[in-house]
């Protein structure tokens, strides 16, 4: 019978929480009151996005509005958001942006630069909050409503501040991966070209790129007769 051993490092018990730690907003909502807290919901796309502003209870302050991804449009929209929040007595707010590849980056940077906290929402979460209310009806407006419902329930998450060393290493790793892909593509093109005028030559060697001499022969000679 195998003996059972307890782990030397006992796991620290954590109290049960309904919300994700990086998505908690309810202390801020309680501090200002739900009617004075607003969400700026943004559904991003490549060249334009759609935005809606609503308070914690879902009362729409700005109807779904298209945002073109350029500096002048961002400035106009941010001014509209500030004026609307001030007019309705909103004391605290957060922008909730659906992650969409890299397309949400310009919108995220614009809101951060304007001093508005940004939280990121996963598209899968948007889908789960849209389907119960609007099954089979996927539009920008229904997605914005789903983003708001998800944010109210703590699924709009704050992003960790990136470590500069990690970011630098990540960029180097991605650059290396791109170089490897380009290298493979170029070698494949070279093999196809070599096979077109010297069929079978490359298959005579395990790896024709192991030695410069193996590529020097077809480059200088170009036929079996000249090699002989």
Protein backbone atom coordinates (compact mmCIF):
# COMPACT_ATOMS: atom_id res chain seq x y z
CA UNK A 1 0.00 0.00 0.00
CA UNK A 2 1.46 3.35 -1.05
CA UNK A 3 2.13 5.82 1.72
CA UNK A 4 0.48 9.22 1.49
CA UNK A 5 2.55 12.30 2.19
CA UNK A 6 1.25 15.75 2.87
CA UNK A 7 2.68 18.62 0.88
CA UNK A 8 5.31 20.58 2.80
CA UNK A 9 3.81 23.83 1.51
CA UNK A 10 0.23 23.95 2.69
CA UNK A 11 -1.98 25.99 0.43
CA UNK A 12 -3.31 29.11 2.01
CA UNK A 13 -7.08 29.04 2.15
CA UNK A 14 -8.75 31.92 0.36
CA UNK A 15 -12.17 33.24 1.22
CA UNK A 16 -14.79 32.66 -1.41
CA UNK A 17 -15.42 35.67 -3.67
CA UNK A 18 -18.13 36.07 -6.28
CA UNK A 19 -16.12 38.54 -8.37
CA UNK A 20 -12.66 38.32 -9.91
CA UNK A 21 -10.10 40.29 -7.89
CA UNK A 22 -9.14 42.49 -10.85
CA UNK A 23 -12.78 43.12 -11.72
CA UNK A 24 -14.13 44.36 -8.39
CA UNK A 25 -15.80 47.79 -8.68
CA UNK A 26 -18.54 47.62 -6.05
CA UNK A 27 -16.64 49.47 -3.29
CA UNK A 28 -16.30 52.42 -5.69
CA UNK A 29 -19.96 52.16 -6.68
CA UNK A 30 -21.01 52.13 -3.01
CA UNK A 31 -18.83 55.17 -2.30
CA UNK A 32 -20.49 57.42 -4.89
CA UNK A 33 -23.87 55.71 -5.27
CA UNK A 34 -24.98 53.55 -8.24
CA UNK A 35 -26.76 56.47 -9.90
CA UNK A 36 -23.47 58.42 -9.90
CA UNK A 37 -21.30 55.65 -11.39
CA UNK A 38 -21.09 55.11 -15.16
CA UNK A 39 -19.60 52.67 -17.64
CA UNK A 40 -18.23 53.73 -21.01
CA UNK A 41 -18.70 50.54 -23.04
CA UNK A 42 -16.75 50.15 -26.30
CA UNK A 43 -17.08 47.39 -28.92
CA UNK A 44 -13.91 47.64 -31.04
CA UNK A 45 -13.23 46.89 -34.70
CA UNK A 46 -10.35 47.55 -37.07
CA UNK A 47 -11.00 51.09 -38.31
CA UNK A 48 -13.95 52.15 -36.18
CA UNK A 49 -15.63 51.21 -32.92
CA UNK A 50 -19.00 51.71 -31.26
CA UNK A 51 -19.46 53.30 -27.85
CA UNK A 52 -22.27 53.55 -25.34
CA UNK A 53 -22.37 55.24 -21.92
CA UNK A 54 -24.75 54.05 -19.21
CA UNK A 55 -24.93 54.32 -15.43
CA UNK A 56 -24.69 51.36 -13.06
CA UNK A 57 -28.42 50.67 -13.32
CA UNK A 58 -28.29 50.58 -17.14
CA UNK A 59 -29.83 53.99 -17.82
CA UNK A 60 -28.32 54.99 -21.17
CA UNK A 61 -26.63 58.40 -21.08
CA UNK A 62 -25.11 58.28 -24.60
CA UNK A 63 -26.78 56.14 -27.24
CA UNK A 64 -24.56 53.76 -29.27
CA UNK A 65 -22.21 56.01 -31.24
CA UNK A 66 -19.67 55.17 -33.95
CA UNK A 67 -16.07 56.24 -33.28
CA UNK A 68 -13.69 56.52 -36.21
CA UNK A 69 -10.12 55.68 -35.25
CA UNK A 70 -8.46 59.05 -35.72
CA UNK A 71 -7.24 61.72 -33.33
CA UNK A 72 -9.94 64.30 -34.06
CA UNK A 73 -12.76 61.77 -33.59
CA UNK A 74 -11.26 60.55 -30.32
CA UNK A 75 -10.99 64.10 -29.01
CA UNK A 76 -14.60 64.88 -29.98
CA UNK A 77 -15.94 61.70 -28.40
CA UNK A 78 -13.98 62.17 -25.18
CA UNK A 79 -15.28 65.74 -24.89
CA UNK A 80 -18.83 64.44 -25.40
CA UNK A 81 -18.27 61.82 -22.69
CA UNK A 82 -16.92 64.37 -20.20
CA UNK A 83 -19.78 66.81 -20.84
CA UNK A 84 -22.40 64.06 -20.52
CA UNK A 85 -20.96 62.69 -17.29
CA UNK A 86 -20.81 66.17 -15.79
CA UNK A 87 -24.36 66.99 -16.87
CA UNK A 88 -25.75 63.81 -15.25
CA UNK A 89 -23.76 64.21 -12.04
CA UNK A 90 -21.53 61.18 -12.56
CA UNK A 91 -18.78 61.19 -9.93
CA UNK A 92 -16.89 58.05 -10.96
CA UNK A 93 -16.60 56.07 -14.16
CA UNK A 94 -14.64 53.41 -15.96
CA UNK A 95 -14.24 52.47 -19.61
CA UNK A 96 -14.84 48.80 -20.46
CA UNK A 97 -13.35 47.78 -23.80
CA UNK A 98 -13.77 44.41 -25.47
CA UNK A 99 -10.42 42.90 -26.41
CA UNK A 100 -10.22 42.49 -30.19
CA UNK A 101 -6.77 41.37 -31.29
CA UNK A 102 -4.76 44.59 -31.53
CA UNK A 103 -7.64 46.72 -32.77
CA UNK A 104 -8.68 47.84 -29.28
CA UNK A 105 -5.23 49.38 -28.69
CA UNK A 106 -5.91 52.87 -30.13
CA UNK A 107 -9.16 53.19 -28.18
CA UNK A 108 -7.52 51.98 -24.98
CA UNK A 109 -4.63 54.43 -25.31
CA UNK A 110 -6.99 57.33 -26.04
CA UNK A 111 -9.03 56.73 -22.86
CA UNK A 112 -5.94 56.19 -20.71
CA UNK A 113 -4.44 59.44 -22.03
CA UNK A 114 -7.69 61.21 -21.14
CA UNK A 115 -7.36 60.00 -17.54
CA UNK A 116 -10.22 57.47 -17.66
CA UNK A 117 -9.58 54.06 -16.13
CA UNK A 118 -9.76 51.27 -18.72
CA UNK A 119 -10.83 47.70 -18.07
CA UNK A 120 -10.60 44.93 -20.64
CA UNK A 121 -13.36 42.42 -21.36
CA UNK A 122 -12.81 39.08 -23.09
CA UNK A 123 -15.02 38.49 -26.20
CA UNK A 124 -16.10 35.13 -24.76
CA UNK A 125 -17.58 36.94 -21.77
CA UNK A 126 -19.46 39.32 -24.08
CA UNK A 127 -20.92 36.33 -25.92
CA UNK A 128 -22.10 34.68 -22.70
CA UNK A 129 -23.86 37.84 -21.53
CA UNK A 130 -25.40 38.52 -24.95
CA UNK A 131 -26.93 35.11 -25.68
CA UNK A 132 -29.43 34.97 -22.78
CA UNK A 133 -30.85 38.41 -23.64
CA UNK A 134 -30.45 38.43 -27.46
CA UNK A 135 -30.06 34.83 -28.68
CA UNK A 136 -29.11 34.69 -32.34
CA UNK A 137 -29.00 38.49 -32.63
CA UNK A 138 -25.39 39.64 -32.75
CA UNK A 139 -25.14 43.36 -33.49
CA UNK A 140 -22.92 46.11 -32.12
CA UNK A 141 -25.77 47.43 -30.00
CA UNK A 142 -26.54 44.05 -28.38
CA UNK A 143 -22.81 43.56 -27.77
CA UNK A 144 -22.63 46.93 -26.01
CA UNK A 145 -25.50 45.94 -23.73
CA UNK A 146 -23.73 42.66 -22.98
CA UNK A 147 -20.50 44.52 -22.21
CA UNK A 148 -22.39 46.66 -19.69
CA UNK A 149 -23.98 43.62 -18.02
CA UNK A 150 -20.59 41.91 -17.79
CA UNK A 151 -18.93 45.03 -16.34
CA UNK A 152 -21.62 45.39 -13.66
CA UNK A 153 -20.90 41.80 -12.60
CA UNK A 154 -17.16 42.34 -12.31
CA UNK A 155 -15.88 40.85 -15.57
CA UNK A 156 -14.20 44.03 -16.82
CA UNK A 157 -10.66 43.35 -15.68
CA UNK A 158 -7.75 45.66 -14.92
CA UNK A 159 -4.55 44.77 -16.72
CA UNK A 160 -1.29 44.27 -14.85
CA UNK A 161 1.44 46.82 -15.44
CA UNK A 162 3.90 45.10 -17.81
CA UNK A 163 7.43 44.45 -16.58
CA UNK A 164 9.83 46.36 -18.91
CA UNK A 165 12.32 43.47 -18.97
CA UNK A 166 9.57 40.99 -19.83
CA UNK A 167 8.23 43.26 -22.58
CA UNK A 168 11.72 43.60 -24.08
CA UNK A 169 12.26 39.82 -24.01
CA UNK A 170 8.82 39.27 -25.50
CA UNK A 171 9.61 41.62 -28.41
CA UNK A 172 12.92 39.84 -29.02
CA UNK A 173 11.23 36.43 -28.97
CA UNK A 174 8.57 37.57 -31.43
CA UNK A 175 11.20 39.10 -33.71
CA UNK A 176 13.17 35.85 -33.67
CA UNK A 177 10.03 33.87 -34.50
CA UNK A 178 9.34 36.13 -37.46
CA UNK A 179 12.92 35.70 -38.69
CA UNK A 180 12.59 31.92 -38.43
CA UNK A 181 9.38 32.01 -40.49
CA UNK A 182 10.99 34.20 -43.14
CA UNK A 183 14.03 31.94 -43.24
CA UNK A 184 11.86 28.87 -43.84
CA UNK A 185 9.92 30.63 -46.60
CA UNK A 186 13.09 31.76 -48.39
CA UNK A 187 14.65 28.30 -48.20
CA UNK A 188 11.52 26.73 -49.62
CA UNK A 189 11.51 29.21 -52.51
CA UNK A 190 15.19 28.48 -53.17
CA UNK A 191 14.53 24.73 -53.24
CA UNK A 192 11.63 25.16 -55.66
CA UNK A 193 13.78 27.32 -57.95
CA UNK A 194 16.71 24.88 -57.73
CA UNK A 195 14.47 21.92 -58.55
CA UNK A 196 13.16 23.69 -61.65
CA UNK A 197 16.55 23.70 -63.42
CA UNK A 198 18.48 20.98 -61.56
CA UNK A 199 15.89 18.31 -60.64
CA UNK A 200 17.05 15.91 -57.96
CA UNK A 201 20.16 17.83 -56.95
CA UNK A 202 18.86 18.92 -53.54
CA UNK A 203 17.70 15.40 -52.67
CA UNK A 204 21.28 14.13 -52.99
CA UNK A 205 22.12 15.73 -49.65
CA UNK A 206 20.60 15.57 -46.20
CA UNK A 207 20.48 19.36 -45.97
CA UNK A 208 21.68 21.41 -48.91
CA UNK A 209 21.99 24.48 -46.69
CA UNK A 210 24.60 22.84 -44.44
CA UNK A 211 27.49 23.92 -46.65
CA UNK A 212 28.06 26.94 -48.88
CA UNK A 213 29.80 24.62 -51.37
CA UNK A 214 26.56 22.72 -52.03
CA UNK A 215 24.89 25.96 -53.15
CA UNK A 216 28.01 27.19 -54.96
CA UNK A 217 27.82 24.25 -57.41
CA UNK A 218 24.37 25.00 -58.90
CA UNK A 219 25.05 28.73 -58.79
CA UNK A 220 28.29 28.44 -60.82
CA UNK A 221 27.51 25.40 -63.01
CA UNK A 222 23.79 24.84 -63.36
CA UNK A 223 23.72 21.38 -64.97
CA UNK A 224 24.90 17.81 -64.41
CA UNK A 225 27.03 17.92 -67.56
CA UNK A 226 29.03 20.89 -66.30
CA UNK A 227 29.51 19.20 -62.94
CA UNK A 228 30.98 16.14 -64.68
